[in-house]
């Protein structure tokens, strides 16, 4: 079973347990006011919610971007060369900023 499929199955099971636990709390409360059954169903719902939060947090595929000093220095050197060749520094830096923003938006 692939990782993404396993995550989907775990999420589905958690959702079913959560909704079933809430329905069981209501039914046990209305049926004979059995506090033990209500607490058990509530505990199941709480555990399902915690597991769902944990799986969703761990399974995120987006990784943080690491800052590389060497790449930053190369970029700064290239900007300086373009500016020394006669380009407007403000325009060049705005262009680089826009390129970075576009790259962040189009990242998979």
N, C-alpha and C. Protein backbone atom coordinates (compact mmCIF):
# COMPACT_ATOMS: atom_id res chain seq x y z
N UNK A 1 0.85 -1.16 0.00
CA UNK A 1 0.00 0.00 0.00
C UNK A 1 0.91 1.24 0.00
N UNK A 2 0.63 2.16 -0.90
CA UNK A 2 1.46 3.36 -0.97
C UNK A 2 1.20 4.27 0.22
N UNK A 3 2.13 5.17 0.44
CA UNK A 3 2.05 6.07 1.59
C UNK A 3 0.81 6.95 1.53
N UNK A 4 0.53 7.53 0.35
CA UNK A 4 -0.63 8.42 0.25
C UNK A 4 -1.94 7.65 0.41
N UNK A 5 -1.97 6.41 -0.06
CA UNK A 5 -3.18 5.60 0.10
C UNK A 5 -3.38 5.23 1.57
N UNK A 6 -2.29 4.91 2.25
CA UNK A 6 -2.38 4.58 3.68
C UNK A 6 -2.89 5.77 4.48
N UNK A 7 -2.41 6.96 4.13
CA UNK A 7 -2.87 8.17 4.81
C UNK A 7 -4.36 8.38 4.57
N UNK A 8 -4.81 8.17 3.34
CA UNK A 8 -6.24 8.32 3.04
C UNK A 8 -7.08 7.33 3.83
N UNK A 9 -6.61 6.08 3.93
CA UNK A 9 -7.35 5.06 4.68
C UNK A 9 -7.42 5.43 6.16
N UNK A 10 -6.28 5.88 6.72
CA UNK A 10 -6.27 6.28 8.13
C UNK A 10 -7.22 7.45 8.36
N UNK A 11 -7.20 8.43 7.47
CA UNK A 11 -8.10 9.58 7.61
C UNK A 11 -9.56 9.14 7.53
N UNK A 12 -9.87 8.25 6.61
CA UNK A 12 -11.25 7.77 6.48
C UNK A 12 -11.70 7.03 7.74
N UNK A 13 -10.84 6.18 8.27
CA UNK A 13 -11.18 5.43 9.50
C UNK A 13 -11.38 6.40 10.66
N UNK A 14 -10.52 7.41 10.76
CA UNK A 14 -10.65 8.40 11.84
C UNK A 14 -11.96 9.17 11.72
N UNK A 15 -12.31 9.56 10.51
CA UNK A 15 -13.55 10.31 10.30
C UNK A 15 -14.75 9.45 10.67
N UNK A 16 -14.73 8.18 10.27
CA UNK A 16 -15.83 7.27 10.59
C UNK A 16 -15.94 7.09 12.11
N UNK A 17 -14.79 6.91 12.77
CA UNK A 17 -14.80 6.75 14.24
C UNK A 17 -15.29 8.03 14.93
N UNK A 18 -14.86 9.17 14.41
CA UNK A 18 -15.26 10.44 15.00
C UNK A 18 -16.77 10.65 14.87
N UNK A 19 -17.30 10.48 13.68
CA UNK A 19 -18.74 10.67 13.46
C UNK A 19 -19.54 9.60 14.20
N UNK A 20 -19.05 8.37 14.17
CA UNK A 20 -19.73 7.30 14.89
C UNK A 20 -19.72 7.52 16.39
N UNK A 21 -18.62 8.07 16.91
CA UNK A 21 -18.54 8.36 18.34
C UNK A 21 -19.53 9.43 18.75
N UNK A 22 -19.67 10.45 17.93
CA UNK A 22 -20.65 11.50 18.24
C UNK A 22 -22.06 10.95 18.21
N UNK A 23 -22.36 10.14 17.18
CA UNK A 23 -23.70 9.53 17.11
C UNK A 23 -23.94 8.60 18.29
N UNK A 24 -22.91 7.88 18.70
CA UNK A 24 -23.05 6.97 19.85
C UNK A 24 -23.25 7.75 21.15
N UNK A 25 -22.58 8.89 21.29
CA UNK A 25 -22.79 9.71 22.49
C UNK A 25 -24.24 10.18 22.57
N UNK A 26 -24.76 10.62 21.44
CA UNK A 26 -26.15 11.09 21.42
C UNK A 26 -27.11 9.94 21.71
N UNK A 27 -26.88 8.80 21.06
CA UNK A 27 -27.77 7.66 21.25
C UNK A 27 -27.71 7.13 22.68
N UNK A 28 -26.49 7.02 23.23
CA UNK A 28 -26.36 6.51 24.60
C UNK A 28 -26.96 7.49 25.60
N UNK A 29 -26.85 8.75 25.33
CA UNK A 29 -27.41 9.75 26.22
C UNK A 29 -28.93 9.71 26.21
N UNK A 30 -29.50 9.52 25.04
CA UNK A 30 -30.96 9.51 24.91
C UNK A 30 -31.56 8.17 25.35
N UNK A 31 -30.84 7.08 25.11
CA UNK A 31 -31.41 5.76 25.34
C UNK A 31 -31.64 5.48 26.83
N UNK A 32 -30.60 5.46 27.62
CA UNK A 32 -30.81 5.14 29.02
C UNK A 32 -29.91 5.97 29.93
N UNK A 33 -29.36 7.03 29.41
CA UNK A 33 -28.53 7.96 30.17
C UNK A 33 -27.37 7.23 30.85
N UNK A 34 -26.74 6.31 30.09
CA UNK A 34 -25.61 5.53 30.59
C UNK A 34 -24.34 6.36 30.44
N UNK A 35 -23.82 6.86 31.54
CA UNK A 35 -22.68 7.77 31.51
C UNK A 35 -21.42 7.05 31.02
N UNK A 36 -21.28 5.77 31.32
CA UNK A 36 -20.12 5.00 30.87
C UNK A 36 -20.06 4.90 29.35
N UNK A 37 -21.20 4.64 28.74
CA UNK A 37 -21.25 4.53 27.28
C UNK A 37 -20.98 5.88 26.63
N UNK A 38 -21.49 6.95 27.21
CA UNK A 38 -21.26 8.29 26.68
C UNK A 38 -19.78 8.64 26.77
N UNK A 39 -19.16 8.36 27.91
CA UNK A 39 -17.73 8.64 28.07
C UNK A 39 -16.87 7.80 27.13
N UNK A 40 -17.24 6.56 26.92
CA UNK A 40 -16.50 5.69 25.99
C UNK A 40 -16.59 6.22 24.57
N UNK A 41 -17.79 6.58 24.16
CA UNK A 41 -17.97 7.12 22.81
C UNK A 41 -17.24 8.45 22.65
N UNK A 42 -17.27 9.27 23.69
CA UNK A 42 -16.54 10.54 23.64
C UNK A 42 -15.05 10.35 23.57
N UNK A 43 -14.54 9.36 24.29
CA UNK A 43 -13.11 9.05 24.24
C UNK A 43 -12.69 8.57 22.86
N UNK A 44 -13.54 7.74 22.25
CA UNK A 44 -13.25 7.26 20.89
C UNK A 44 -13.20 8.44 19.92
N UNK A 45 -14.14 9.35 20.05
CA UNK A 45 -14.15 10.53 19.17
C UNK A 45 -12.91 11.39 19.39
N UNK A 46 -12.53 11.58 20.63
CA UNK A 46 -11.35 12.41 20.93
C UNK A 46 -10.07 11.76 20.40
N UNK A 47 -9.94 10.47 20.57
CA UNK A 47 -8.75 9.78 20.08
C UNK A 47 -8.70 9.83 18.55
N UNK A 48 -9.86 9.65 17.90
CA UNK A 48 -9.90 9.71 16.44
C UNK A 48 -9.49 11.10 15.95
N UNK A 49 -9.94 12.14 16.64
CA UNK A 49 -9.57 13.51 16.25
C UNK A 49 -8.07 13.74 16.43
N UNK A 50 -7.50 13.25 17.52
CA UNK A 50 -6.06 13.42 17.76
C UNK A 50 -5.24 12.67 16.71
N UNK A 51 -5.65 11.44 16.40
CA UNK A 51 -4.94 10.66 15.37
C UNK A 51 -5.06 11.36 14.02
N UNK A 52 -6.23 11.89 13.71
CA UNK A 52 -6.42 12.59 12.44
C UNK A 52 -5.51 13.82 12.35
N UNK A 53 -5.41 14.57 13.42
CA UNK A 53 -4.51 15.72 13.44
C UNK A 53 -3.05 15.30 13.30
N UNK A 54 -2.66 14.24 13.99
CA UNK A 54 -1.27 13.77 13.92
C UNK A 54 -0.92 13.28 12.52
N UNK A 55 -1.80 12.50 11.92
CA UNK A 55 -1.53 11.98 10.57
C UNK A 55 -1.47 13.13 9.56
N UNK A 56 -2.37 14.07 9.68
CA UNK A 56 -2.36 15.20 8.75
C UNK A 56 -1.10 16.04 8.90
N UNK A 57 -0.61 16.18 10.11
CA UNK A 57 0.60 16.96 10.34
C UNK A 57 1.84 16.24 9.81
N UNK A 58 1.93 14.95 10.06
CA UNK A 58 3.11 14.18 9.65
C UNK A 58 3.13 13.95 8.14
N UNK A 59 1.96 13.83 7.54
CA UNK A 59 1.89 13.45 6.13
C UNK A 59 2.00 14.62 5.16
N UNK A 60 2.24 15.81 5.64
CA UNK A 60 2.38 16.92 4.71
C UNK A 60 3.58 16.70 3.82
N UNK A 61 3.42 16.98 2.54
CA UNK A 61 4.48 16.73 1.57
C UNK A 61 5.31 17.97 1.31
N UNK A 62 4.87 19.10 1.76
CA UNK A 62 5.60 20.33 1.51
C UNK A 62 6.76 20.44 2.49
N UNK A 63 7.92 20.61 1.95
CA UNK A 63 9.12 20.72 2.77
C UNK A 63 9.56 22.17 2.83
N UNK A 64 10.21 22.53 3.92
CA UNK A 64 10.70 23.89 4.05
C UNK A 64 11.91 24.08 3.15
N UNK A 65 12.04 25.28 2.65
CA UNK A 65 13.13 25.60 1.75
C UNK A 65 14.35 25.99 2.58
N UNK A 66 15.48 25.40 2.24
CA UNK A 66 16.71 25.72 2.95
C UNK A 66 17.39 26.90 2.26
N UNK A 67 17.91 27.80 3.05
CA UNK A 67 18.62 28.95 2.51
C UNK A 67 20.07 28.55 2.27
N UNK A 68 20.56 28.81 1.07
CA UNK A 68 21.94 28.46 0.73
C UNK A 68 22.74 29.74 0.56
N UNK A 69 23.71 29.95 1.44
CA UNK A 69 24.52 31.16 1.39
C UNK A 69 25.31 31.27 0.09
N UNK A 70 25.80 30.14 -0.41
CA UNK A 70 26.59 30.18 -1.64
C UNK A 70 25.74 30.63 -2.82
N UNK A 71 24.52 30.10 -2.93
CA UNK A 71 23.62 30.52 -4.01
C UNK A 71 23.25 31.99 -3.88
N UNK A 72 23.03 32.43 -2.65
CA UNK A 72 22.70 33.84 -2.43
C UNK A 72 23.86 34.75 -2.84
N UNK A 73 25.07 34.32 -2.56
CA UNK A 73 26.25 35.11 -2.94
C UNK A 73 26.41 35.16 -4.46
N UNK A 74 26.17 34.04 -5.13
CA UNK A 74 26.24 34.01 -6.59
C UNK A 74 25.19 34.93 -7.19
N UNK A 75 23.97 34.88 -6.66
CA UNK A 75 22.91 35.76 -7.15
C UNK A 75 23.26 37.22 -6.94
N UNK A 76 23.77 37.54 -5.77
CA UNK A 76 24.14 38.93 -5.49
C UNK A 76 25.26 39.40 -6.42
N UNK A 77 26.23 38.53 -6.70
CA UNK A 77 27.31 38.88 -7.62
C UNK A 77 26.77 39.14 -9.02
N UNK A 78 25.84 38.30 -9.46
CA UNK A 78 25.26 38.49 -10.79
C UNK A 78 24.43 39.77 -10.86
N UNK A 79 23.71 40.09 -9.80
CA UNK A 79 22.95 41.35 -9.77
C UNK A 79 23.91 42.52 -9.86
N UNK A 80 24.99 42.45 -9.11
CA UNK A 80 25.98 43.53 -9.12
C UNK A 80 26.57 43.70 -10.51
N UNK A 81 26.84 42.60 -11.23
CA UNK A 81 27.38 42.69 -12.60
C UNK A 81 26.40 43.38 -13.54
N UNK A 82 25.12 43.02 -13.42
CA UNK A 82 24.10 43.63 -14.29
C UNK A 82 23.98 45.12 -13.99
N UNK A 83 24.00 45.47 -12.71
CA UNK A 83 23.90 46.89 -12.32
C UNK A 83 25.15 47.64 -12.80
N UNK A 84 26.33 47.03 -12.66
CA UNK A 84 27.56 47.68 -13.13
C UNK A 84 27.57 47.86 -14.64
N UNK A 85 26.84 47.01 -15.35
CA UNK A 85 26.76 47.13 -16.81
C UNK A 85 25.80 48.23 -17.24
N UNK A 86 25.08 48.83 -16.27
CA UNK A 86 24.24 49.97 -16.62
C UNK A 86 22.76 49.83 -16.31
N UNK A 87 22.33 48.68 -15.76
CA UNK A 87 20.91 48.51 -15.45
C UNK A 87 20.56 49.23 -14.15
N UNK A 88 19.31 49.61 -14.03
CA UNK A 88 18.81 50.27 -12.83
C UNK A 88 18.71 49.22 -11.71
N UNK A 89 19.40 49.46 -10.59
CA UNK A 89 19.46 48.47 -9.51
C UNK A 89 18.08 48.18 -8.92
N UNK A 90 17.26 49.20 -8.75
CA UNK A 90 15.92 49.00 -8.20
C UNK A 90 15.09 48.10 -9.10
N UNK A 91 15.17 48.34 -10.40
CA UNK A 91 14.41 47.51 -11.35
C UNK A 91 14.90 46.07 -11.36
N UNK A 92 16.21 45.88 -11.28
CA UNK A 92 16.76 44.52 -11.28
C UNK A 92 16.33 43.78 -10.02
N UNK A 93 16.41 44.44 -8.86
CA UNK A 93 16.02 43.77 -7.61
C UNK A 93 14.51 43.48 -7.58
N UNK A 94 13.69 44.38 -8.12
CA UNK A 94 12.25 44.11 -8.23
C UNK A 94 11.98 42.90 -9.11
N UNK A 95 12.73 42.81 -10.22
CA UNK A 95 12.58 41.67 -11.12
C UNK A 95 12.95 40.36 -10.42
N UNK A 96 14.03 40.36 -9.67
CA UNK A 96 14.45 39.16 -8.94
C UNK A 96 13.40 38.79 -7.89
N UNK A 97 12.88 39.79 -7.18
CA UNK A 97 11.83 39.54 -6.17
C UNK A 97 10.60 38.90 -6.81
N UNK A 98 10.19 39.42 -7.95
CA UNK A 98 9.01 38.86 -8.64
C UNK A 98 9.28 37.45 -9.11
N UNK A 99 10.51 37.19 -9.58
CA UNK A 99 10.85 35.83 -10.02
C UNK A 99 10.80 34.85 -8.85
N UNK A 100 11.28 35.27 -7.70
CA UNK A 100 11.23 34.40 -6.51
C UNK A 100 9.79 34.13 -6.11
N UNK A 101 8.95 35.15 -6.11
CA UNK A 101 7.54 34.97 -5.76
C UNK A 101 6.85 34.03 -6.73
N UNK A 102 7.14 34.18 -8.02
CA UNK A 102 6.55 33.29 -9.02
C UNK A 102 7.01 31.85 -8.80
N UNK A 103 8.28 31.67 -8.50
CA UNK A 103 8.80 30.33 -8.22
C UNK A 103 8.13 29.70 -7.02
N UNK A 104 7.87 30.47 -6.00
CA UNK A 104 7.20 29.92 -4.80
C UNK A 104 5.77 29.53 -5.09
N UNK A 105 5.09 30.30 -5.93
CA UNK A 105 3.68 29.99 -6.24
C UNK A 105 3.55 28.79 -7.15
N UNK A 106 4.51 28.54 -8.01
CA UNK A 106 4.39 27.46 -8.99
C UNK A 106 5.07 26.17 -8.56
N UNK A 107 5.59 26.14 -7.34
CA UNK A 107 6.25 24.95 -6.83
C UNK A 107 5.20 23.87 -6.60
N UNK A 108 5.50 22.61 -6.98
CA UNK A 108 4.51 21.52 -6.77
C UNK A 108 4.29 21.18 -5.34
